[in-house]
């Protein structure tokens, strides 16, 4: 089959402001499996430009695919864009098959199939094996009900098949790197870059996380093979920056150390950036020198809040003491810390924001990423937020960077004021400015200057967006807007052992 993978342009500020673009790892992962299964596959990346709908439609028509596959990492806020582009393509090519995957359609498959008749099928959960089985069934006219891990329209009804088993051997499938021109993708200020995954899932119980149940259980790639792949990307394609998409790559100290040692043995000059937990950093105090030697320059630490009661409410499983120690250890080993802080878990007051700011100052992170709480229907936190009022009904704004929930004690403008004031104080402290200007490590100095420059460019867009956006004074509750909680369906896949994978000839 001729298969077109489309990465739609995302509406978020973070996608529009930087001159850098990262490749869409999810679609490339599906693409590799489909290429190996004998299909002709092409990637159309609408993020460049960004491409208008008419241009995406024109390129799709020129390729004349049998099927178009959509997916987006910014799943909820990206859905309206995917719906618009998919509908435009189907109008131009009525017989084309539309397949949709990602976190949002995995859980909202009922609504998507009922409201968007042009969608042929939805891939639920991780897609490498499910996509290849689905495309074979569509190619040969086999019964879709026999394909695990999908949802489709069955006559006048919609139905989901049994959950697909998680992929236990992540090395059984490869990323389709040949689908991109590496020269077009960069990060960290123009350095050639890719997005990768060492692991999938997370064993922790944070009840607001929209990714935890999607992956069902934590697994990791072979550390040595993974290190060799990163080295090959550097040697053959000039890749300099490796951006880890993992929720928590450092879960297993044994596996993580094996990866670090294997990458050090490859002797390649890479910059590694990603996310992890503060308690893993503290646990690994004795091997942080290996982190640095392997190339780690920055970790985003998901601290989320500085109030102990709130951390207990969201089941973060962290403490402020651990968070502070992790930042100290990272600075000691020459690794930048970016602390995330989420506004809106509870109905904050001025006093709560002031206390949080003081705690953040005591942490002394190198960088700060401020976010707004954004409840997802399939997470346990949704039930806690179900009765709160929605002030933003444009789903393109449900991206963690826009206020979507009302706060009982504060008007939206006042929440924004605290949000931006906290960012300004953290980034404009004398010691933070001195690090940006005079850090003794030239690489870290470049990184902090680049991030600071991006922040200056994003600020006016965020403020203008706030002034422009329409917010409801008496909007629906979260449950009225999104529907009933579905945390009973949080795990999208089965942890049972998968069936034996058949080869291309057997599947045909």
Protein backbone atom coordinates (compact mmCIF):
# COMPACT_ATOMS: atom_id res chain seq x y z
CA UNK A 1 0.00 0.00 0.00
CA UNK A 2 0.98 3.64 -0.48
CA UNK A 3 0.88 5.14 2.99
CA UNK A 4 1.25 8.82 3.87
CA UNK A 5 2.15 9.80 7.43
CA UNK A 6 1.13 13.37 8.25
CA UNK A 7 2.52 15.39 11.14
CA UNK A 8 0.10 18.31 11.37
CA UNK A 9 1.21 21.82 12.38
CA UNK A 10 0.55 22.26 16.06
CA UNK A 11 -1.11 25.46 17.33
CA UNK A 12 0.94 25.77 20.53
CA UNK A 13 3.24 28.72 21.10
CA UNK A 14 6.17 26.41 21.78
CA UNK A 15 5.89 24.93 18.31
CA UNK A 16 5.59 28.28 16.55
CA UNK A 17 8.25 30.43 18.21
CA UNK A 18 11.56 28.51 18.02
CA UNK A 19 13.41 28.31 14.72
CA UNK A 20 14.19 24.68 15.60
CA UNK A 21 11.99 21.70 14.78
CA UNK A 22 12.25 18.14 16.09
CA UNK A 23 11.22 15.09 14.04
CA UNK A 24 7.91 13.34 14.92
CA UNK A 25 9.20 10.21 16.66
CA UNK A 26 5.81 8.52 16.95
CA UNK A 27 5.11 8.62 13.21
CA UNK A 28 8.69 7.59 12.40
CA UNK A 29 8.32 4.58 14.70
CA UNK A 30 5.15 3.53 12.89
CA UNK A 31 6.82 4.23 9.56
CA UNK A 32 9.74 1.93 10.24
CA UNK A 33 7.44 -0.99 11.01
CA UNK A 34 5.33 -0.36 7.88
CA UNK A 35 8.36 -0.04 5.61
CA UNK A 36 9.69 -3.35 6.91
CA UNK A 37 6.27 -4.84 6.23
CA UNK A 38 6.60 -4.00 2.53
CA UNK A 39 4.58 -0.78 2.23
CA UNK A 40 5.60 2.37 0.38
CA UNK A 41 5.69 5.04 3.07
CA UNK A 42 6.22 8.80 2.99
CA UNK A 43 6.22 11.41 5.76
CA UNK A 44 4.71 14.86 5.29
CA UNK A 45 5.78 17.17 8.13
CA UNK A 46 3.38 20.11 8.27
CA UNK A 47 5.29 21.75 11.13
CA UNK A 48 7.64 23.38 8.64
CA UNK A 49 6.23 26.74 7.68
CA UNK A 50 3.84 25.84 9.27
CA UNK A 51 2.10 24.43 6.21
CA UNK A 52 -1.46 25.67 5.57
CA UNK A 53 -4.20 23.08 5.09
CA UNK A 54 -4.38 23.68 1.34
CA UNK A 55 -0.66 22.89 0.92
CA UNK A 56 -0.91 19.71 2.98
CA UNK A 57 -3.92 18.63 0.92
CA UNK A 58 -2.08 19.38 -2.34
CA UNK A 59 0.95 17.30 -1.34
CA UNK A 60 -1.29 14.46 -0.22
CA UNK A 61 -3.09 14.52 -3.59
CA UNK A 62 0.23 14.47 -5.44
CA UNK A 63 1.34 11.34 -3.57
CA UNK A 64 -2.06 9.67 -4.10
CA UNK A 65 -1.91 7.42 -1.02
CA UNK A 66 -4.15 4.45 -0.31
CA UNK A 67 -4.10 5.41 3.37
CA UNK A 68 -3.26 8.48 5.43
CA UNK A 69 -2.10 8.00 9.01
CA UNK A 70 -2.33 10.79 11.59
CA UNK A 71 -0.85 11.04 15.06
CA UNK A 72 0.47 13.84 17.26
CA UNK A 73 2.34 14.02 20.52
CA UNK A 74 0.35 17.12 21.53
CA UNK A 75 -2.65 14.88 21.32
CA UNK A 76 -5.60 16.80 22.82
CA UNK A 77 -4.73 20.25 21.49
CA UNK A 78 -3.67 18.77 18.15
CA UNK A 79 -6.93 16.94 17.56
CA UNK A 80 -8.91 19.86 16.04
CA UNK A 81 -6.10 20.43 13.53
CA UNK A 82 -5.99 16.74 12.59
CA UNK A 83 -9.78 16.70 12.18
CA UNK A 84 -9.68 19.71 9.84
CA UNK A 85 -6.89 18.32 7.66
CA UNK A 86 -8.29 14.78 7.54
CA UNK A 87 -11.68 16.10 6.44
CA UNK A 88 -10.09 18.23 3.70
CA UNK A 89 -8.14 15.24 2.35
CA UNK A 90 -11.18 12.96 2.32
CA UNK A 91 -13.19 15.56 0.41
CA UNK A 92 -10.46 15.57 -2.25
CA UNK A 93 -9.91 11.78 -2.17
CA UNK A 94 -13.16 10.11 -1.05
CA UNK A 95 -11.72 6.58 -1.18
CA UNK A 96 -8.64 7.19 0.94
CA UNK A 97 -8.40 5.34 4.26
CA UNK A 98 -7.90 7.52 7.34
CA UNK A 99 -6.18 5.92 10.35
CA UNK A 100 -5.67 7.91 13.53
CA UNK A 101 -3.45 7.13 16.52
CA UNK A 102 -2.13 8.81 19.65
CA UNK A 103 -3.17 9.41 23.23
CA UNK A 104 -6.32 11.46 22.57
CA UNK A 105 -7.99 9.10 20.05
CA UNK A 106 -6.97 6.08 22.15
CA UNK A 107 -9.36 7.25 24.86
CA UNK A 108 -11.82 9.39 22.90
CA UNK A 109 -12.39 6.77 20.19
CA UNK A 110 -16.15 6.70 20.73
CA UNK A 111 -16.59 10.42 20.11
CA UNK A 112 -14.11 10.54 17.23
CA UNK A 113 -15.77 7.70 15.32
CA UNK A 114 -19.29 8.99 15.95
CA UNK A 115 -18.55 12.61 15.08
CA UNK A 116 -16.01 12.14 12.28
CA UNK A 117 -17.32 9.62 9.73
CA UNK A 118 -14.27 9.96 7.49
CA UNK A 119 -12.05 8.18 10.07
CA UNK A 120 -11.65 4.52 9.05
CA UNK A 121 -10.04 3.20 12.22
CA UNK A 122 -8.24 4.27 15.38
CA UNK A 123 -5.07 2.66 16.72
CA UNK A 124 -5.30 2.43 20.52
CA UNK A 125 -2.07 2.36 22.51
CA UNK A 126 1.40 1.99 21.03
CA UNK A 127 1.15 1.40 17.33
CA UNK A 128 4.05 -0.44 15.69
CA UNK A 129 2.52 -3.93 15.71
CA UNK A 130 -1.10 -2.81 15.71
CA UNK A 131 -0.59 -0.53 12.69
CA UNK A 132 1.04 -3.24 10.60
CA UNK A 133 -1.74 -5.72 11.42
CA UNK A 134 -4.40 -3.10 10.70
CA UNK A 135 -2.89 -2.08 7.37
CA UNK A 136 -2.66 -5.73 6.28
CA UNK A 137 -6.30 -6.26 7.21
CA UNK A 138 -7.33 -3.17 5.24
CA UNK A 139 -5.18 -4.15 2.27
CA UNK A 140 -6.59 -7.67 1.99
CA UNK A 141 -10.13 -6.96 3.17
CA UNK A 142 -9.85 -9.01 6.37
CA UNK A 143 -12.25 -8.63 9.31
CA UNK A 144 -11.16 -5.63 11.44
CA UNK A 145 -12.69 -7.19 14.52
CA UNK A 146 -9.80 -9.66 14.55
CA UNK A 147 -7.18 -6.91 14.91
CA UNK A 148 -6.41 -6.25 18.58
CA UNK A 149 -5.89 -2.72 19.76
CA UNK A 150 -8.13 -0.76 17.38
CA UNK A 151 -11.54 0.91 17.26
CA UNK A 152 -13.68 1.15 14.13
CA UNK A 153 -17.17 1.71 12.82
CA UNK A 154 -19.24 -1.49 12.66
CA UNK A 155 -22.36 -0.65 10.70
CA UNK A 156 -24.19 2.08 12.60
CA UNK A 157 -22.28 1.38 15.79
CA UNK A 158 -18.68 1.91 16.92
CA UNK A 159 -16.65 -0.72 18.69
CA UNK A 160 -13.21 -1.38 20.11
CA UNK A 161 -11.43 -4.69 19.84
CA UNK A 162 -9.60 -6.32 22.73
CA UNK A 163 -6.56 -4.36 23.95
CA UNK A 164 -3.32 -5.12 22.14
CA UNK A 165 -0.51 -6.53 24.29
CA UNK A 166 2.31 -4.17 25.15
CA UNK A 167 5.46 -4.57 23.09
CA UNK A 168 7.84 -6.25 25.49
CA UNK A 169 10.84 -6.21 23.14
CA UNK A 170 11.18 -2.59 22.06
CA UNK A 171 14.16 -3.52 19.88
CA UNK A 172 11.92 -5.67 17.66
CA UNK A 173 10.90 -2.53 15.76
CA UNK A 174 13.04 0.22 14.34
CA UNK A 175 12.52 3.94 13.81
CA UNK A 176 12.13 4.88 10.14
CA UNK A 177 14.90 7.47 10.12
CA UNK A 178 15.10 7.27 6.33
CA UNK A 179 11.76 9.11 6.13
CA UNK A 180 13.35 12.42 7.15
CA UNK A 181 16.09 14.74 5.97
CA UNK A 182 18.17 15.12 9.13
CA UNK A 183 19.48 18.49 7.95
CA UNK A 184 16.01 20.01 8.44
CA UNK A 185 15.69 19.15 12.13
CA UNK A 186 17.49 20.97 14.91
CA UNK A 187 17.32 21.90 18.59
CA UNK A 188 19.39 23.66 21.23
CA UNK A 189 19.98 26.60 18.90
CA UNK A 190 20.42 25.16 15.41
CA UNK A 191 22.18 21.89 16.31
CA UNK A 192 21.08 18.83 14.33
CA UNK A 193 18.75 16.82 16.56
CA UNK A 194 16.42 13.84 16.93
CA UNK A 195 13.88 12.60 19.46
CA UNK A 196 14.37 9.07 20.86
CA UNK A 197 12.94 6.71 23.47
CA UNK A 198 15.02 4.47 25.69
CA UNK A 199 11.96 3.38 27.62
CA UNK A 200 8.18 3.55 27.60
CA UNK A 201 5.88 4.07 30.54
CA UNK A 202 6.40 4.97 34.16
CA UNK A 203 5.90 2.90 37.35
CA UNK A 204 4.90 5.87 39.49
CA UNK A 205 1.32 6.74 40.43
CA UNK A 206 0.99 10.47 39.67
CA UNK A 207 -2.77 10.74 39.20
CA UNK A 208 -2.77 13.65 36.73
CA UNK A 209 -0.40 12.11 34.15
CA UNK A 210 -2.03 11.52 30.76
CA UNK A 211 0.79 9.22 29.60
CA UNK A 212 1.07 6.74 32.47
CA UNK A 213 -1.82 4.50 31.46
CA UNK A 214 -1.20 4.87 27.74
CA UNK A 215 2.00 2.81 27.95
CA UNK A 216 0.52 0.49 30.64
CA UNK A 217 3.88 -0.71 32.02
CA UNK A 218 7.50 0.42 32.05
CA UNK A 219 9.91 -1.26 29.60
CA UNK A 220 13.29 -0.32 28.18
CA UNK A 221 15.39 -1.00 25.12
CA UNK A 222 18.62 -2.98 25.13
CA UNK A 223 21.11 -0.45 26.58
CA UNK A 224 24.02 -1.42 24.32
CA UNK A 225 21.97 -1.53 21.11
CA UNK A 226 20.36 1.78 21.97
CA UNK A 227 23.73 3.44 22.56
CA UNK A 228 24.97 2.07 19.23
CA UNK A 229 21.95 3.57 17.44
CA UNK A 230 22.65 7.02 18.90
CA UNK A 231 26.29 6.73 17.87
CA UNK A 232 25.29 5.76 14.34
CA UNK A 233 22.95 8.74 14.06
CA UNK A 234 25.86 10.98 15.03
CA UNK A 235 28.41 9.40 12.70
CA UNK A 236 26.18 8.91 9.65
CA UNK A 237 23.81 11.88 9.89
CA UNK A 238 25.68 14.43 11.97
CA UNK A 239 23.13 14.38 14.80
CA UNK A 240 24.41 16.37 17.78
CA UNK A 241 21.45 16.68 20.19
CA UNK A 242 19.48 13.69 21.49
CA UNK A 243 16.15 14.67 23.03
CA UNK A 244 14.67 11.86 25.15
CA UNK A 245 10.88 11.54 24.94
CA UNK A 246 10.75 9.09 27.88
CA UNK A 247 8.53 9.86 30.82
CA UNK A 248 11.18 8.40 33.13
CA UNK A 249 14.20 6.73 31.45
CA UNK A 250 16.16 6.22 34.68
CA UNK A 251 13.74 3.83 36.45
CA UNK A 252 16.23 0.92 36.45
CA UNK A 253 19.61 2.03 37.74
CA UNK A 254 21.21 -1.14 36.36
CA UNK A 255 19.86 -0.66 32.83
CA UNK A 256 20.53 3.06 32.85
CA UNK A 257 24.12 2.62 33.97
CA UNK A 258 24.63 0.02 31.26
CA UNK A 259 23.39 2.52 28.68
CA UNK A 260 25.62 5.32 29.98
CA UNK A 261 28.69 3.09 29.95
CA UNK A 262 27.89 1.82 26.45
CA UNK A 263 27.45 5.35 25.11
CA UNK A 264 30.70 6.48 26.74
CA UNK A 265 32.44 3.52 25.06
CA UNK A 266 31.10 4.69 21.67
CA UNK A 267 33.15 7.88 22.15
CA UNK A 268 30.77 10.26 20.37
CA UNK A 269 30.27 13.93 21.17
CA UNK A 270 26.56 14.21 21.90
CA UNK A 271 24.34 16.52 23.92
CA UNK A 272 21.62 14.64 25.81
CA UNK A 273 18.49 16.29 27.20
CA UNK A 274 15.35 14.80 28.71
CA UNK A 275 13.15 14.36 31.77
CA UNK A 276 13.47 12.30 34.92
CA UNK A 277 12.47 12.27 38.59
CA UNK A 278 14.37 14.04 41.33
CA UNK A 279 14.48 10.90 43.47
CA UNK A 280 16.27 9.02 40.66
CA UNK A 281 18.92 11.73 40.54
CA UNK A 282 19.44 11.46 44.29
CA UNK A 283 19.55 7.67 44.03
CA UNK A 284 22.21 7.92 41.33
CA UNK A 285 24.49 10.33 43.18
CA UNK A 286 27.36 7.85 42.85
CA UNK A 287 27.09 7.60 39.04
CA UNK A 288 26.20 11.17 38.09
CA UNK A 289 29.73 11.54 36.75
CA UNK A 290 28.73 8.93 34.14
CA UNK A 291 25.68 11.01 33.20
CA UNK A 292 27.96 13.96 32.51
CA UNK A 293 30.60 11.92 30.68
CA UNK A 294 27.93 10.41 28.41
CA UNK A 295 26.81 13.91 27.41
CA UNK A 296 23.89 14.92 29.64
CA UNK A 297 23.43 18.69 29.69
CA UNK A 298 19.90 19.15 31.04
CA UNK A 299 17.17 17.27 32.85
CA UNK A 300 13.62 18.50 33.23
CA UNK A 301 12.57 17.55 36.75
CA UNK A 302 8.82 17.03 37.09
CA UNK A 303 8.38 18.64 40.49
CA UNK A 304 4.88 19.97 39.66
CA UNK A 305 4.35 21.76 42.98
CA UNK A 306 6.11 22.79 46.15
CA UNK A 307 3.27 22.24 48.61
CA UNK A 308 3.47 18.92 50.48
CA UNK A 309 -0.33 18.57 50.71
CA UNK A 310 -0.70 19.13 46.98
CA UNK A 311 2.04 16.58 46.25
CA UNK A 312 0.10 14.08 48.33
CA UNK A 313 -3.16 14.99 46.55
CA UNK A 314 -1.66 14.30 43.11
CA UNK A 315 0.24 11.25 44.38
CA UNK A 316 3.53 12.60 43.13
CA UNK A 317 5.54 10.50 45.58
CA UNK A 318 8.16 13.21 46.00
CA UNK A 319 9.33 15.56 48.73
CA UNK A 320 10.66 19.09 48.66
CA UNK A 321 13.84 17.89 50.38
CA UNK A 322 14.53 15.41 47.60
CA UNK A 323 13.80 17.99 44.91
CA UNK A 324 16.25 20.44 46.42
CA UNK A 325 18.96 17.81 46.78
CA UNK A 326 18.55 16.66 43.17
CA UNK A 327 19.14 20.19 41.87
CA UNK A 328 22.20 20.57 44.09
CA UNK A 329 23.68 17.29 42.85
CA UNK A 330 23.05 18.14 39.21
CA UNK A 331 24.75 21.52 39.56
CA UNK A 332 27.68 19.83 41.29
CA UNK A 333 28.10 17.56 38.25
CA UNK A 334 27.60 20.21 35.60
CA UNK A 335 24.06 19.27 34.52
CA UNK A 336 21.38 21.93 34.11
CA UNK A 337 18.10 21.59 36.01
CA UNK A 338 14.76 22.72 34.63
CA UNK A 339 12.08 22.59 37.32
CA UNK A 340 8.45 22.30 36.27
CA UNK A 341 5.80 23.93 38.43
CA UNK A 342 2.10 23.48 37.70
CA UNK A 343 -0.47 26.10 38.61
CA UNK A 344 -4.05 25.18 39.43
CA UNK A 345 -4.06 21.76 41.13
CA UNK A 346 -6.05 23.34 43.94
CA UNK A 347 -7.91 26.62 44.30
CA UNK A 348 -4.85 28.74 45.07
CA UNK A 349 -4.79 32.12 46.75
CA UNK A 350 -2.16 34.87 46.68
CA UNK A 351 -0.61 33.32 49.77
CA UNK A 352 -0.26 29.93 48.04
CA UNK A 353 1.50 31.48 45.05
CA UNK A 354 3.82 33.46 47.29
CA UNK A 355 4.71 30.36 49.31
CA UNK A 356 5.37 28.43 46.11
CA UNK A 357 7.62 31.15 44.75
CA UNK A 358 9.68 31.21 47.93
CA UNK A 359 10.07 27.45 47.80
CA UNK A 360 11.18 27.57 44.17
CA UNK A 361 13.75 30.20 45.06
CA UNK A 362 15.11 27.89 47.74
CA UNK A 363 15.43 25.14 45.12
CA UNK A 364 17.55 27.48 42.96
CA UNK A 365 16.93 25.70 39.61
CA UNK A 366 18.81 26.79 36.50
CA UNK A 367 15.58 27.09 34.51
CA UNK A 368 11.86 27.04 35.23
CA UNK A 369 8.96 25.72 33.16
CA UNK A 370 5.57 26.96 34.31
CA UNK A 371 2.45 25.03 33.30
CA UNK A 372 -1.29 25.10 33.96
CA UNK A 373 -3.07 21.99 35.22
CA UNK A 374 -4.95 20.31 32.37
CA UNK A 375 -7.18 17.38 33.41
CA UNK A 376 -7.57 14.38 31.11
CA UNK A 377 -10.66 12.20 31.29
CA UNK A 378 -8.76 8.91 31.53
CA UNK A 379 -6.67 9.95 34.56
CA UNK A 380 -7.65 9.57 38.23
CA UNK A 381 -7.14 13.32 38.72
CA UNK A 382 -10.06 13.99 36.39
CA UNK A 383 -12.45 12.82 39.10
CA UNK A 384 -10.98 15.33 41.55
CA UNK A 385 -11.41 18.15 39.03
CA UNK A 386 -14.74 17.01 37.56
CA UNK A 387 -16.80 19.74 39.26
CA UNK A 388 -14.44 22.63 38.51
CA UNK A 389 -15.53 25.16 35.90
CA UNK A 390 -14.03 25.27 32.41
CA UNK A 391 -13.15 28.75 31.19
CA UNK A 392 -11.57 27.72 27.88
CA UNK A 393 -13.65 25.58 25.51
CA UNK A 394 -11.27 25.85 22.54
CA UNK A 395 -9.59 22.45 22.71
CA UNK A 396 -6.58 23.76 20.81
CA UNK A 397 -5.73 25.60 24.04
CA UNK A 398 -5.66 22.45 26.19
CA UNK A 399 -1.87 22.25 25.93
CA UNK A 400 -0.69 22.99 29.51
CA UNK A 401 0.30 26.55 28.50
CA UNK A 402 -3.19 28.09 28.65
CA UNK A 403 -5.58 28.49 31.58
CA UNK A 404 -8.49 26.14 31.02
CA UNK A 405 -9.95 25.89 34.56
CA UNK A 406 -11.43 28.59 36.74
CA UNK A 407 -9.85 29.28 40.11
CA UNK A 408 -12.43 30.13 42.76
CA UNK A 409 -10.41 32.74 44.63
CA UNK A 410 -8.63 34.44 41.74
CA UNK A 411 -9.60 35.89 38.37
CA UNK A 412 -7.73 34.51 35.33
CA UNK A 413 -5.76 37.75 34.91
CA UNK A 414 -4.50 37.47 38.48
CA UNK A 415 -3.42 33.85 37.95
CA UNK A 416 -1.54 34.95 34.82
CA UNK A 417 0.11 37.74 36.81
CA UNK A 418 1.45 35.28 39.39
CA UNK A 419 2.43 32.86 36.61
CA UNK A 420 4.53 35.42 34.75
CA UNK A 421 5.83 37.05 37.93
CA UNK A 422 7.14 33.69 39.14
CA UNK A 423 8.88 33.09 35.81
CA UNK A 424 10.39 36.58 35.86
CA UNK A 425 11.69 36.30 39.41
CA UNK A 426 13.24 32.87 38.83
CA UNK A 427 14.88 33.78 35.54
CA UNK A 428 15.93 37.33 36.47
CA UNK A 429 17.57 36.66 39.83
CA UNK A 430 21.14 37.95 39.87
CA UNK A 431 22.61 34.45 40.27
CA UNK A 432 20.51 33.16 37.32
CA UNK A 433 21.64 36.05 35.11
CA UNK A 434 25.26 35.50 36.10
CA UNK A 435 25.01 31.84 35.07
CA UNK A 436 23.56 32.80 31.70
CA UNK A 437 26.28 35.35 31.07
CA UNK A 438 29.36 33.83 32.66
CA UNK A 439 28.91 30.10 33.28
CA UNK A 440 32.34 28.49 33.07
CA UNK A 441 31.05 25.65 30.85
CA UNK A 442 30.65 27.08 27.34
CA UNK A 443 28.12 24.40 26.36
CA UNK A 444 25.88 25.08 29.34
CA UNK A 445 26.26 28.81 28.83
CA UNK A 446 25.06 28.41 25.22
CA UNK A 447 22.14 26.27 26.38
CA UNK A 448 20.96 28.77 28.98
CA UNK A 449 21.30 31.69 26.60
CA UNK A 450 19.29 29.86 23.95
CA UNK A 451 16.52 29.00 26.40
CA UNK A 452 16.46 32.57 27.74
CA UNK A 453 16.16 33.90 24.20
CA UNK A 454 13.22 31.59 23.52
CA UNK A 455 11.56 32.77 26.72
CA UNK A 456 11.84 36.41 25.69
CA UNK A 457 10.20 35.59 22.36
CA UNK A 458 7.40 33.52 23.90
CA UNK A 459 6.45 36.05 26.60
CA UNK A 460 4.70 38.64 24.38
CA UNK A 461 2.86 35.90 22.48
CA UNK A 462 1.53 34.39 25.71
CA UNK A 463 0.35 37.75 27.01
CA UNK A 464 -1.20 38.74 23.68
CA UNK A 465 -2.87 35.33 23.46
CA UNK A 466 -4.36 35.81 26.92
CA UNK A 467 -5.77 39.20 25.92
CA UNK A 468 -7.12 37.82 22.64
CA UNK A 469 -8.63 34.53 23.87
CA UNK A 470 -12.25 34.35 24.91
CA UNK A 471 -12.83 32.85 28.37
CA UNK A 472 -16.18 31.91 29.88
CA UNK A 473 -17.28 33.43 33.16
CA UNK A 474 -19.73 30.63 33.92
CA UNK A 475 -18.61 27.73 31.77
CA UNK A 476 -19.51 24.04 32.03
CA UNK A 477 -17.95 21.79 34.61
CA UNK A 478 -15.03 19.63 33.52
CA UNK A 479 -17.32 16.58 33.52
CA UNK A 480 -19.97 18.37 31.46
CA UNK A 481 -17.36 19.49 28.94
CA UNK A 482 -15.49 16.21 28.52
CA UNK A 483 -17.95 13.58 29.70
CA UNK A 484 -17.87 10.96 32.44
CA UNK A 485 -14.52 9.88 33.96
CA UNK A 486 -12.92 6.87 32.31
CA UNK A 487 -10.04 6.12 34.65
CA UNK A 488 -11.28 2.51 34.69
CA UNK A 489 -9.97 2.42 31.08
CA UNK A 490 -6.69 4.15 31.94
CA UNK A 491 -4.50 1.24 30.82
CA UNK A 492 -4.77 1.22 27.03
CA UNK A 493 -2.99 -2.10 26.48
CA UNK A 494 -2.80 -5.55 27.97
CA UNK A 495 0.24 -6.65 29.94
CA UNK A 496 -0.29 -10.23 28.73
CA UNK A 497 2.38 -11.76 26.56
CA UNK A 498 1.87 -10.97 22.86
CA UNK A 499 1.33 -13.54 20.20
CA UNK A 500 4.35 -14.65 18.18
CA UNK A 501 5.13 -12.00 15.61
CA UNK A 502 4.71 -13.33 12.09
CA UNK A 503 6.88 -12.28 9.19
CA UNK A 504 5.77 -10.32 6.17
CA UNK A 505 5.25 -13.40 4.01
CA UNK A 506 3.21 -15.16 6.69
CA UNK A 507 1.04 -12.08 7.25
CA UNK A 508 0.35 -11.77 3.53
